[in-house]
Structures are given as C-alpha cells and as structure tokens.
Amino acid sequence: MRLLAASGLAAVLLYTEGQWESRSGGRMLVADLLNRPGLMLGSALAALIAAAWLGDRRTALRTATRAVTVTAGVVFVLGAVSVNKVQAAETRSREEAPAAQQRTLVVVHRSYPDGPHAGEHWQVLLEAGEGWSARRWSLAEVGGGEQEARLVTARWTGREQITVVTDSYQRVFNLDQDTGEPVEAR
C-alpha cells in the first residue's frame, strides 16, 4: 500500500519537473519525457486509488474512500477525453544553424478548425545542444484569432542571428556565445 502511495506521489513530482523544464530555456528531453499530464497524473491517480482501496480495513471508511476515488477517476477520465477532443493539424519545419550543427530553428504550425483556440498558431523555437543537456527556447508565439498577427518567416539571418517576421512586427535575436541563449536585439 505504501509503495503504491509513494509511486503516485513520485508520478506527480516527475510531472512537476516536466512542467518546469517545459519553460523557455528548459531541458527539452526531460520536458518531452515528463510533461505528459494524461500519462503522469493518470498513473498517479491510479496508484493512489489502488492504495486507498487496498489500505482501508474499516467498512464505513472503505465505502467513503471508494466513492471519492471513483468520482475522482471519472472526473479525470472525462477531463482527459474533453481535452483530447480539440485536435489541431500540426506541421514542423526545422532549419540547422549555419554556424553550429547543434542549433536548430524549429517552426511549429498548428491549425485549429474550431473550439476555443480556433485559427492559425505558430510557435518559433530554438533547440540547442544534444542529449540530456539540450535546451529549448521559445522565441515567439504568433497567431490565435482572425485579428491576430500571422507569421511571414522565421530564419537564420547570420551565423548567430535569427529573425522572426510577422505581418505586424519583426524581431531579431542574437545568440549568446557561451550559452547559446537567444537575446532579443535592441
């Protein structure tokens, strides 16, 4: 029983680490492995439900525990199903840096036909490094609704420079020589 409860807690903590590493500049391999709410939180819920069911010895407490855990399980499943119903068509383009082979400019294009996020969305990312130390930085989030900006281009404009152009603005990022972190030019 304690092992199941500890497993549930561990799954929540691992998911929290995945969320933290999903930030701009976070370790992308850790984020990709652990930032999976359906899998990690579902595993935690299943382990905690199993621990609660197996651990209760008294009839009244067992009945109450089972009612609460079944309700929590149903709410989780319904939430997971509703979140997964909003599907987007997604394409990714990747462009290697002209100066360093361990840097890649990634443009993710998502098109939501309906729902709360309907419309065209672009995310411009820089991936640097390899293995466990590889990092991912978010350079721009573009789009959303019909009145929002649209991405025109995102490209390497120098050995250590990236330019993101939309129909309403242009942003230039220079890469730090030591860390590879993008810094917006002023």
N, C-alpha and C. Protein backbone atom coordinates (compact mmCIF):
# COMPACT_ATOMS: atom_id res chain seq x y z
N MET A 1 0.83 -1.19 0.00
CA MET A 1 0.00 0.00 0.00
C MET A 1 0.88 1.25 0.00
N ARG A 2 1.89 1.28 0.87
CA ARG A 2 2.78 2.45 0.93
C ARG A 2 3.56 2.62 -0.36
N LEU A 3 3.91 1.51 -0.97
CA LEU A 3 4.63 1.57 -2.24
C LEU A 3 3.75 2.20 -3.32
N LEU A 4 2.47 1.85 -3.34
CA LEU A 4 1.54 2.44 -4.31
C LEU A 4 1.38 3.95 -4.07
N ALA A 5 1.21 4.33 -2.81
CA ALA A 5 1.07 5.75 -2.49
C ALA A 5 2.34 6.51 -2.86
N ALA A 6 3.50 5.92 -2.58
CA ALA A 6 4.78 6.56 -2.94
C ALA A 6 4.92 6.67 -4.45
N SER A 7 4.46 5.66 -5.19
CA SER A 7 4.50 5.70 -6.66
C SER A 7 3.63 6.83 -7.20
N GLY A 8 2.45 6.99 -6.61
CA GLY A 8 1.56 8.08 -7.02
C GLY A 8 2.18 9.43 -6.77
N LEU A 9 2.77 9.61 -5.61
CA LEU A 9 3.45 10.87 -5.29
C LEU A 9 4.63 11.10 -6.21
N ALA A 10 5.40 10.05 -6.52
CA ALA A 10 6.54 10.18 -7.42
C ALA A 10 6.09 10.61 -8.82
N ALA A 11 4.97 10.07 -9.30
CA ALA A 11 4.46 10.45 -10.62
C ALA A 11 4.09 11.93 -10.66
N VAL A 12 3.48 12.43 -9.59
CA VAL A 12 3.13 13.86 -9.52
C VAL A 12 4.39 14.71 -9.51
N LEU A 13 5.39 14.30 -8.74
CA LEU A 13 6.65 15.07 -8.68
C LEU A 13 7.39 15.04 -10.02
N LEU A 14 7.39 13.91 -10.70
CA LEU A 14 8.03 13.84 -12.02
C LEU A 14 7.30 14.72 -13.03
N TYR A 15 5.98 14.73 -13.00
CA TYR A 15 5.22 15.60 -13.88
C TYR A 15 5.53 17.06 -13.59
N THR A 16 5.66 17.42 -12.31
CA THR A 16 6.01 18.79 -11.93
C THR A 16 7.37 19.17 -12.51
N GLU A 17 8.33 18.27 -12.46
CA GLU A 17 9.64 18.54 -13.06
C GLU A 17 9.52 18.72 -14.57
N GLY A 18 8.71 17.90 -15.22
CA GLY A 18 8.48 18.05 -16.66
C GLY A 18 7.86 19.39 -17.01
N GLN A 19 6.91 19.84 -16.19
CA GLN A 19 6.31 21.16 -16.40
C GLN A 19 7.36 22.25 -16.27
N TRP A 20 8.21 22.15 -15.25
CA TRP A 20 9.25 23.16 -15.01
C TRP A 20 10.22 23.21 -16.20
N GLU A 21 10.62 22.08 -16.71
CA GLU A 21 11.57 22.05 -17.82
C GLU A 21 10.93 22.44 -19.15
N SER A 22 9.60 22.55 -19.21
CA SER A 22 8.93 22.98 -20.43
C SER A 22 9.03 24.48 -20.65
N ARG A 23 9.54 25.20 -19.67
CA ARG A 23 9.69 26.65 -19.82
C ARG A 23 10.76 26.93 -20.88
N SER A 24 10.79 28.18 -21.34
CA SER A 24 11.81 28.59 -22.30
C SER A 24 13.19 28.47 -21.66
N GLY A 25 14.08 27.74 -22.31
CA GLY A 25 15.41 27.51 -21.78
C GLY A 25 15.53 26.22 -21.00
N GLY A 26 14.44 25.48 -20.87
CA GLY A 26 14.45 24.24 -20.10
C GLY A 26 15.07 23.10 -20.90
N ARG A 27 15.38 22.02 -20.20
CA ARG A 27 15.95 20.83 -20.84
C ARG A 27 14.85 20.11 -21.61
N MET A 28 15.02 20.04 -22.93
CA MET A 28 13.92 19.56 -23.76
C MET A 28 13.69 18.06 -23.64
N LEU A 29 14.70 17.24 -23.40
CA LEU A 29 14.48 15.81 -23.27
C LEU A 29 13.66 15.49 -22.03
N VAL A 30 13.96 16.17 -20.92
CA VAL A 30 13.20 15.97 -19.68
C VAL A 30 11.76 16.43 -19.89
N ALA A 31 11.58 17.60 -20.53
CA ALA A 31 10.23 18.11 -20.78
C ALA A 31 9.44 17.15 -21.67
N ASP A 32 10.07 16.64 -22.73
CA ASP A 32 9.37 15.74 -23.65
C ASP A 32 8.97 14.43 -22.98
N LEU A 33 9.80 13.94 -22.05
CA LEU A 33 9.51 12.67 -21.38
C LEU A 33 8.48 12.81 -20.26
N LEU A 34 8.57 13.91 -19.49
CA LEU A 34 7.78 14.01 -18.26
C LEU A 34 6.58 14.95 -18.33
N ASN A 35 6.52 15.85 -19.29
CA ASN A 35 5.40 16.78 -19.37
C ASN A 35 4.24 16.15 -20.15
N ARG A 36 3.69 15.11 -19.58
CA ARG A 36 2.57 14.37 -20.17
C ARG A 36 1.50 14.22 -19.10
N PRO A 37 0.60 15.21 -19.00
CA PRO A 37 -0.36 15.20 -17.90
C PRO A 37 -1.25 13.97 -17.89
N GLY A 38 -1.71 13.51 -19.02
CA GLY A 38 -2.59 12.34 -19.05
C GLY A 38 -1.90 11.11 -18.50
N LEU A 39 -0.69 10.87 -18.94
CA LEU A 39 0.05 9.69 -18.50
C LEU A 39 0.50 9.80 -17.05
N MET A 40 1.16 10.92 -16.71
CA MET A 40 1.74 11.05 -15.37
C MET A 40 0.67 11.20 -14.29
N LEU A 41 -0.29 12.09 -14.51
CA LEU A 41 -1.33 12.30 -13.50
C LEU A 41 -2.31 11.14 -13.46
N GLY A 42 -2.55 10.52 -14.62
CA GLY A 42 -3.39 9.32 -14.63
C GLY A 42 -2.75 8.18 -13.85
N SER A 43 -1.44 8.01 -14.01
CA SER A 43 -0.71 6.98 -13.24
C SER A 43 -0.76 7.29 -11.75
N ALA A 44 -0.58 8.56 -11.42
CA ALA A 44 -0.63 8.95 -10.00
C ALA A 44 -2.01 8.66 -9.42
N LEU A 45 -3.05 9.03 -10.15
CA LEU A 45 -4.41 8.79 -9.67
C LEU A 45 -4.69 7.30 -9.51
N ALA A 46 -4.26 6.50 -10.49
CA ALA A 46 -4.48 5.05 -10.40
C ALA A 46 -3.74 4.46 -9.20
N ALA A 47 -2.51 4.88 -8.97
CA ALA A 47 -1.74 4.36 -7.83
C ALA A 47 -2.37 4.77 -6.50
N LEU A 48 -2.82 6.02 -6.41
CA LEU A 48 -3.44 6.49 -5.18
C LEU A 48 -4.79 5.81 -4.92
N ILE A 49 -5.56 5.58 -5.98
CA ILE A 49 -6.84 4.86 -5.84
C ILE A 49 -6.58 3.43 -5.37
N ALA A 50 -5.60 2.78 -5.99
CA ALA A 50 -5.28 1.41 -5.59
C ALA A 50 -4.81 1.36 -4.14
N ALA A 51 -3.99 2.32 -3.73
CA ALA A 51 -3.52 2.36 -2.34
C ALA A 51 -4.68 2.59 -1.38
N ALA A 52 -5.60 3.47 -1.76
CA ALA A 52 -6.75 3.74 -0.88
C ALA A 52 -7.66 2.52 -0.77
N TRP A 53 -7.89 1.84 -1.87
CA TRP A 53 -8.77 0.67 -1.85
C TRP A 53 -8.16 -0.49 -1.08
N LEU A 54 -6.87 -0.67 -1.23
CA LEU A 54 -6.22 -1.80 -0.57
C LEU A 54 -5.91 -1.51 0.90
N GLY A 55 -5.83 -0.23 1.26
CA GLY A 55 -5.40 0.12 2.60
C GLY A 55 -6.50 0.23 3.63
N ASP A 56 -7.72 0.42 3.21
CA ASP A 56 -8.82 0.60 4.18
C ASP A 56 -9.31 -0.74 4.71
N ARG A 57 -9.39 -0.83 6.03
CA ARG A 57 -9.85 -2.06 6.65
C ARG A 57 -11.26 -1.91 7.24
N ARG A 58 -11.68 -0.69 7.51
CA ARG A 58 -12.99 -0.46 8.12
C ARG A 58 -14.04 -0.25 7.03
N THR A 59 -15.21 -0.79 7.22
CA THR A 59 -16.25 -0.79 6.20
C THR A 59 -16.74 0.61 5.84
N ALA A 60 -17.05 1.44 6.81
CA ALA A 60 -17.57 2.79 6.53
C ALA A 60 -16.51 3.64 5.82
N LEU A 61 -15.29 3.58 6.29
CA LEU A 61 -14.21 4.35 5.67
C LEU A 61 -13.91 3.83 4.27
N ARG A 62 -13.98 2.52 4.10
CA ARG A 62 -13.73 1.93 2.79
C ARG A 62 -14.79 2.39 1.78
N THR A 63 -16.05 2.40 2.20
CA THR A 63 -17.13 2.84 1.31
C THR A 63 -16.95 4.30 0.92
N ALA A 64 -16.63 5.15 1.87
CA ALA A 64 -16.42 6.58 1.58
C ALA A 64 -15.21 6.77 0.67
N THR A 65 -14.14 6.06 0.95
CA THR A 65 -12.92 6.18 0.14
C THR A 65 -13.19 5.74 -1.29
N ARG A 66 -13.89 4.65 -1.45
CA ARG A 66 -14.19 4.17 -2.80
C ARG A 66 -15.08 5.14 -3.56
N ALA A 67 -16.05 5.73 -2.89
CA ALA A 67 -16.92 6.71 -3.55
C ALA A 67 -16.12 7.91 -4.02
N VAL A 68 -15.24 8.41 -3.17
CA VAL A 68 -14.42 9.57 -3.53
C VAL A 68 -13.46 9.23 -4.66
N THR A 69 -12.79 8.08 -4.58
CA THR A 69 -11.81 7.74 -5.61
C THR A 69 -12.46 7.43 -6.95
N VAL A 70 -13.62 6.80 -6.94
CA VAL A 70 -14.32 6.54 -8.20
C VAL A 70 -14.76 7.86 -8.83
N THR A 71 -15.27 8.78 -8.02
CA THR A 71 -15.67 10.10 -8.53
C THR A 71 -14.47 10.83 -9.11
N ALA A 72 -13.33 10.80 -8.41
CA ALA A 72 -12.11 11.45 -8.91
C ALA A 72 -11.66 10.82 -10.22
N GLY A 73 -11.74 9.50 -10.30
CA GLY A 73 -11.36 8.81 -11.53
C GLY A 73 -12.25 9.18 -12.70
N VAL A 74 -13.56 9.23 -12.47
CA VAL A 74 -14.50 9.61 -13.53
C VAL A 74 -14.25 11.04 -13.99
N VAL A 75 -14.04 11.96 -13.06
CA VAL A 75 -13.76 13.35 -13.41
C VAL A 75 -12.48 13.45 -14.23
N PHE A 76 -11.45 12.71 -13.83
CA PHE A 76 -10.19 12.73 -14.57
C PHE A 76 -10.36 12.20 -15.99
N VAL A 77 -11.05 11.08 -16.14
CA VAL A 77 -11.25 10.49 -17.46
C VAL A 77 -12.05 11.43 -18.35
N LEU A 78 -13.13 12.02 -17.82
CA LEU A 78 -13.92 12.97 -18.62
C LEU A 78 -13.10 14.19 -19.02
N GLY A 79 -12.28 14.68 -18.11
CA GLY A 79 -11.40 15.81 -18.43
C GLY A 79 -10.40 15.46 -19.50
N ALA A 80 -9.80 14.28 -19.40
CA ALA A 80 -8.82 13.85 -20.40
C ALA A 80 -9.46 13.67 -21.77
N VAL A 81 -10.67 13.12 -21.80
CA VAL A 81 -11.37 12.93 -23.07
C VAL A 81 -11.72 14.28 -23.70
N SER A 82 -12.20 15.23 -22.90
CA SER A 82 -12.58 16.53 -23.47
C SER A 82 -11.37 17.31 -23.94
N VAL A 83 -10.24 17.21 -23.27
CA VAL A 83 -9.03 17.91 -23.70
C VAL A 83 -8.53 17.33 -25.01
N ASN A 84 -8.58 16.01 -25.15
CA ASN A 84 -8.07 15.37 -26.35
C ASN A 84 -8.99 15.52 -27.55
N LYS A 85 -10.21 16.00 -27.37
CA LYS A 85 -11.12 16.20 -28.49
C LYS A 85 -10.71 17.39 -29.36
N VAL A 86 -10.03 18.38 -28.78
CA VAL A 86 -9.59 19.53 -29.55
C VAL A 86 -8.30 19.15 -30.25
N GLN A 87 -8.40 18.79 -31.51
CA GLN A 87 -7.25 18.35 -32.28
C GLN A 87 -6.84 19.44 -33.26
N ALA A 88 -5.54 19.55 -33.44
CA ALA A 88 -5.01 20.53 -34.37
C ALA A 88 -4.17 19.81 -35.41
N ALA A 89 -4.25 20.31 -36.64
CA ALA A 89 -3.33 19.84 -37.67
C ALA A 89 -1.99 20.52 -37.38
N GLU A 90 -0.92 19.74 -37.29
CA GLU A 90 0.37 20.29 -36.90
C GLU A 90 1.44 19.95 -37.92
N THR A 91 2.24 20.95 -38.27
CA THR A 91 3.41 20.73 -39.11
C THR A 91 4.62 21.37 -38.44
N ARG A 92 5.78 20.77 -38.63
CA ARG A 92 7.02 21.29 -38.06
C ARG A 92 8.04 21.44 -39.18
N SER A 93 8.75 22.56 -39.16
CA SER A 93 9.87 22.73 -40.07
C SER A 93 11.12 22.96 -39.23
N ARG A 94 12.24 22.42 -39.68
CA ARG A 94 13.50 22.51 -38.94
C ARG A 94 14.58 23.05 -39.86
N GLU A 95 15.37 23.98 -39.36
CA GLU A 95 16.47 24.54 -40.13
C GLU A 95 17.72 24.58 -39.24
N GLU A 96 18.75 23.87 -39.66
CA GLU A 96 20.01 23.83 -38.91
C GLU A 96 20.70 25.19 -38.99
N ALA A 97 21.43 25.53 -37.94
CA ALA A 97 22.17 26.79 -37.90
C ALA A 97 23.32 26.73 -38.90
N PRO A 98 23.63 27.87 -39.56
CA PRO A 98 24.75 27.86 -40.50
C PRO A 98 26.10 27.73 -39.80
N ALA A 99 26.20 28.13 -38.53
CA ALA A 99 27.49 28.14 -37.84
C ALA A 99 27.72 26.91 -36.97
N ALA A 100 26.71 26.42 -36.33
CA ALA A 100 26.86 25.32 -35.37
C ALA A 100 25.85 24.23 -35.66
N GLN A 101 26.30 23.01 -35.72
CA GLN A 101 25.41 21.89 -36.04
C GLN A 101 24.48 21.53 -34.90
N GLN A 102 24.75 22.00 -33.69
CA GLN A 102 23.92 21.64 -32.55
C GLN A 102 22.84 22.66 -32.25
N ARG A 103 22.53 23.52 -33.20
CA ARG A 103 21.46 24.51 -33.03
C ARG A 103 20.49 24.38 -34.20
N THR A 104 19.20 24.33 -33.84
CA THR A 104 18.17 24.15 -34.86
C THR A 104 17.03 25.12 -34.60
N LEU A 105 16.61 25.81 -35.64
CA LEU A 105 15.44 26.69 -35.59
C LEU A 105 14.23 25.83 -35.98
N VAL A 106 13.21 25.81 -35.11
CA VAL A 106 12.03 24.97 -35.33
C VAL A 106 10.81 25.88 -35.38
N VAL A 107 9.99 25.71 -36.41
CA VAL A 107 8.71 26.43 -36.51
C VAL A 107 7.60 25.39 -36.47
N VAL A 108 6.73 25.52 -35.46
CA VAL A 108 5.58 24.62 -35.31
C VAL A 108 4.34 25.40 -35.72
N HIS A 109 3.61 24.86 -36.69
CA HIS A 109 2.37 25.50 -37.17
C HIS A 109 1.21 24.60 -36.80
N ARG A 110 0.26 25.17 -36.06
CA ARG A 110 -0.93 24.43 -35.67
C ARG A 110 -2.16 25.15 -36.21
N SER A 111 -3.08 24.38 -36.74
CA SER A 111 -4.33 24.93 -37.26
C SER A 111 -5.49 24.24 -36.56
N TYR A 112 -6.23 25.03 -35.76
CA TYR A 112 -7.39 24.50 -35.05
C TYR A 112 -8.64 24.88 -35.83
N PRO A 113 -9.41 23.90 -36.33
CA PRO A 113 -10.59 24.23 -37.12
C PRO A 113 -11.71 24.84 -36.29
N ASP A 114 -11.82 24.46 -35.01
CA ASP A 114 -12.88 25.00 -34.16
C ASP A 114 -12.45 24.90 -32.71
N GLY A 115 -13.32 25.33 -31.84
CA GLY A 115 -13.01 25.27 -30.40
C GLY A 115 -12.52 26.61 -29.89
N PRO A 116 -12.07 26.64 -28.65
CA PRO A 116 -11.66 27.91 -28.04
C PRO A 116 -10.40 28.50 -28.64
N HIS A 117 -9.59 27.69 -29.32
CA HIS A 117 -8.34 28.18 -29.92
C HIS A 117 -8.40 28.16 -31.43
N ALA A 118 -9.58 28.31 -32.02
CA ALA A 118 -9.73 28.22 -33.47
C ALA A 118 -8.84 29.24 -34.17
N GLY A 119 -8.23 28.80 -35.25
CA GLY A 119 -7.38 29.68 -36.05
C GLY A 119 -5.99 29.12 -36.25
N GLU A 120 -5.11 29.96 -36.78
CA GLU A 120 -3.74 29.59 -37.08
C GLU A 120 -2.82 30.00 -35.93
N HIS A 121 -1.93 29.11 -35.51
CA HIS A 121 -0.97 29.38 -34.44
C HIS A 121 0.41 28.96 -34.91
N TRP A 122 1.42 29.79 -34.61
CA TRP A 122 2.79 29.44 -34.90
C TRP A 122 3.61 29.59 -33.62
N GLN A 123 4.55 28.68 -33.45
CA GLN A 123 5.48 28.76 -32.33
C GLN A 123 6.88 28.63 -32.93
N VAL A 124 7.75 29.60 -32.63
CA VAL A 124 9.11 29.61 -33.13
C VAL A 124 10.03 29.25 -31.97
N LEU A 125 10.82 28.18 -32.16
CA LEU A 125 11.66 27.65 -31.09
C LEU A 125 13.11 27.54 -31.56
N LEU A 126 14.02 27.61 -30.60
CA LEU A 126 15.44 27.33 -30.86
C LEU A 126 15.83 26.15 -29.99
N GLU A 127 16.34 25.10 -30.61
CA GLU A 127 16.83 23.94 -29.88
C GLU A 127 18.35 23.93 -29.98
N ALA A 128 19.02 23.82 -28.84
CA ALA A 128 20.48 23.87 -28.80
C ALA A 128 21.02 22.73 -27.95
N GLY A 129 22.08 22.11 -28.43
CA GLY A 129 22.72 21.04 -27.68
C GLY A 129 22.20 19.69 -28.08
N GLU A 130 22.64 18.67 -27.32
CA GLU A 130 22.18 17.31 -27.58
C GLU A 130 22.16 16.52 -26.29
N GLY A 131 21.38 15.46 -26.28
CA GLY A 131 21.29 14.61 -25.10
C GLY A 131 20.57 15.29 -23.96
N TRP A 132 20.96 14.93 -22.72
CA TRP A 132 20.29 15.44 -21.53
C TRP A 132 20.51 16.93 -21.32
N SER A 133 21.55 17.50 -21.90
CA SER A 133 21.82 18.93 -21.68
C SER A 133 21.17 19.81 -22.75
N ALA A 134 20.50 19.23 -23.74
CA ALA A 134 19.87 20.02 -24.81
C ALA A 134 18.79 20.92 -24.23
N ARG A 135 18.74 22.14 -24.72
CA ARG A 135 17.78 23.14 -24.24
C ARG A 135 16.87 23.58 -25.38
N ARG A 136 15.67 24.06 -25.00
CA ARG A 136 14.71 24.58 -25.98
C ARG A 136 14.26 25.95 -25.51
N TRP A 137 14.41 26.97 -26.38
CA TRP A 137 13.97 28.32 -26.05
C TRP A 137 12.80 28.70 -26.96
N SER A 138 11.83 29.38 -26.40
CA SER A 138 10.70 29.89 -27.16
C SER A 138 11.03 31.31 -27.61
N LEU A 139 11.05 31.53 -28.92
CA LEU A 139 11.36 32.86 -29.46
C LEU A 139 10.09 33.67 -29.72
N ALA A 140 9.04 33.03 -30.19
CA ALA A 140 7.81 33.77 -30.49
C ALA A 140 6.61 32.83 -30.53
N GLU A 141 5.48 33.36 -30.09
CA GLU A 141 4.18 32.71 -30.22
C GLU A 141 3.33 33.66 -31.06
N VAL A 142 2.89 33.21 -32.22
CA VAL A 142 2.21 34.10 -33.16
C VAL A 142 0.85 33.50 -33.51
N GLY A 143 -0.14 34.37 -33.65
CA GLY A 143 -1.45 33.95 -34.12
C GLY A 143 -2.43 33.73 -33.01
N GLY A 144 -3.54 33.18 -33.38
CA GLY A 144 -4.60 32.91 -32.41
C GLY A 144 -5.95 33.08 -33.05
N GLY A 145 -6.36 34.30 -33.28
CA GLY A 145 -7.66 34.57 -33.88
C GLY A 145 -7.50 35.21 -35.25
N GLU A 146 -8.63 35.59 -35.81
CA GLU A 146 -8.60 36.20 -37.15
C GLU A 146 -7.91 37.55 -37.15
N GLN A 147 -7.94 38.28 -36.05
CA GLN A 147 -7.34 39.61 -35.97
C GLN A 147 -5.88 39.56 -35.51
N GLU A 148 -5.37 38.39 -35.20
CA GLU A 148 -4.01 38.26 -34.69
C GLU A 148 -2.99 38.28 -35.82
N ALA A 149 -1.73 38.50 -35.46
CA ALA A 149 -0.65 38.52 -36.44
C ALA A 149 -0.46 37.14 -37.06
N ARG A 150 0.11 37.12 -38.26
CA ARG A 150 0.43 35.87 -38.95
C ARG A 150 1.94 35.84 -39.19
N LEU A 151 2.52 34.67 -39.06
CA LEU A 151 3.96 34.51 -39.28
C LEU A 151 4.25 34.59 -40.77
N VAL A 152 5.22 35.43 -41.13
CA VAL A 152 5.66 35.52 -42.52
C VAL A 152 6.87 34.62 -42.71
N THR A 153 7.89 34.78 -41.84
CA THR A 153 9.08 33.94 -41.92
C THR A 153 9.83 33.94 -40.60
N ALA A 154 10.53 32.87 -40.38
CA ALA A 154 11.48 32.75 -39.27
C ALA A 154 12.69 32.05 -39.87
N ARG A 155 13.85 32.71 -39.80
CA ARG A 155 15.02 32.14 -40.46
C ARG A 155 16.32 32.62 -39.82
N TRP A 156 17.37 31.89 -40.12
CA TRP A 156 18.71 32.32 -39.71
C TRP A 156 19.11 33.46 -40.64
N THR A 157 19.52 34.59 -40.08
CA THR A 157 19.96 35.72 -40.90
C THR A 157 21.44 36.01 -40.70
N GLY A 158 22.12 35.17 -40.00
CA GLY A 158 23.55 35.28 -39.77
C GLY A 158 24.02 34.03 -39.06
N ARG A 159 25.31 33.97 -38.80
CA ARG A 159 25.86 32.78 -38.13
C ARG A 159 25.28 32.60 -36.73
N GLU A 160 25.00 33.68 -36.05
CA GLU A 160 24.48 33.64 -34.67
C GLU A 160 23.24 34.52 -34.52
N GLN A 161 22.43 34.63 -35.57
CA GLN A 161 21.29 35.54 -35.53
C GLN A 161 20.06 34.91 -36.18
N ILE A 162 18.90 35.13 -35.54
CA ILE A 162 17.62 34.64 -36.04
C ILE A 162 16.67 35.82 -36.17
N THR A 163 15.93 35.87 -37.26
CA THR A 163 14.94 36.93 -37.47
C THR A 163 13.56 36.30 -37.63
N VAL A 164 12.61 36.82 -36.84
CA VAL A 164 11.22 36.37 -36.91
C VAL A 164 10.41 37.55 -37.45
N VAL A 165 9.71 37.32 -38.57
CA VAL A 165 8.93 38.39 -39.21
C VAL A 165 7.47 37.96 -39.28
N THR A 166 6.59 38.83 -38.77
CA THR A 166 5.15 38.61 -38.91
C THR A 166 4.60 39.72 -39.78
N ASP A 167 3.29 39.71 -40.01
CA ASP A 167 2.70 40.79 -40.82
C ASP A 167 2.57 42.09 -40.02
N SER A 168 2.95 42.09 -38.73
CA SER A 168 2.85 43.33 -37.94
C SER A 168 4.13 43.71 -37.21
N TYR A 169 5.13 42.85 -37.15
CA TYR A 169 6.39 43.21 -36.48
C TYR A 169 7.54 42.32 -36.94
N GLN A 170 8.75 42.75 -36.58
CA GLN A 170 9.95 41.97 -36.85
C GLN A 170 10.78 41.94 -35.57
N ARG A 171 11.27 40.77 -35.20
CA ARG A 171 12.12 40.61 -34.02
C ARG A 171 13.40 39.92 -34.43
N VAL A 172 14.51 40.44 -33.92
CA VAL A 172 15.83 39.86 -34.23
C VAL A 172 16.44 39.35 -32.92
N PHE A 173 16.95 38.13 -32.95
CA PHE A 173 17.58 37.51 -31.79
C PHE A 173 19.03 37.19 -32.10
N ASN A 174 19.92 37.60 -31.21
CA ASN A 174 21.33 37.23 -31.29
C ASN A 174 21.57 36.13 -30.26
N LEU A 175 22.42 35.17 -30.61
CA LEU A 175 22.69 34.06 -29.71
C LEU A 175 23.91 34.35 -28.86
N ASP A 176 23.79 34.12 -27.56
CA ASP A 176 24.90 34.30 -26.63
C ASP A 176 26.00 33.31 -27.00
N GLN A 177 27.24 33.79 -27.08
CA GLN A 177 28.35 32.94 -27.50
C GLN A 177 28.62 31.79 -26.53
N ASP A 178 28.41 32.01 -25.24
CA ASP A 178 28.74 30.99 -24.24
C ASP A 178 27.60 29.99 -24.03
N THR A 179 26.39 30.47 -23.89
CA THR A 179 25.28 29.59 -23.53
C THR A 179 24.40 29.20 -24.72
N GLY A 180 24.45 29.98 -25.81
CA GLY A 180 23.57 29.72 -26.94
C GLY A 180 22.17 30.29 -26.75
N GLU A 181 21.94 30.95 -25.62
CA GLU A 181 20.63 31.51 -25.33
C GLU A 181 20.32 32.68 -26.26
N PRO A 182 19.12 32.72 -26.83
CA PRO A 182 18.75 33.84 -27.70
C PRO A 182 18.42 35.09 -26.87
N VAL A 183 18.97 36.22 -27.30
CA VAL A 183 18.72 37.50 -26.65
C VAL A 183 18.20 38.46 -27.73
N GLU A 184 17.04 39.04 -27.46
CA GLU A 184 16.46 39.93 -28.45
C GLU A 184 17.31 41.18 -28.62
N ALA A 185 17.62 41.51 -29.89
CA ALA A 185 18.45 42.70 -30.20
C ALA A 185 17.63 43.95 -29.94
N ARG A 186 18.29 44.95 -29.42
CA ARG A 186 17.62 46.23 -29.14
C ARG A 186 18.02 47.27 -30.16
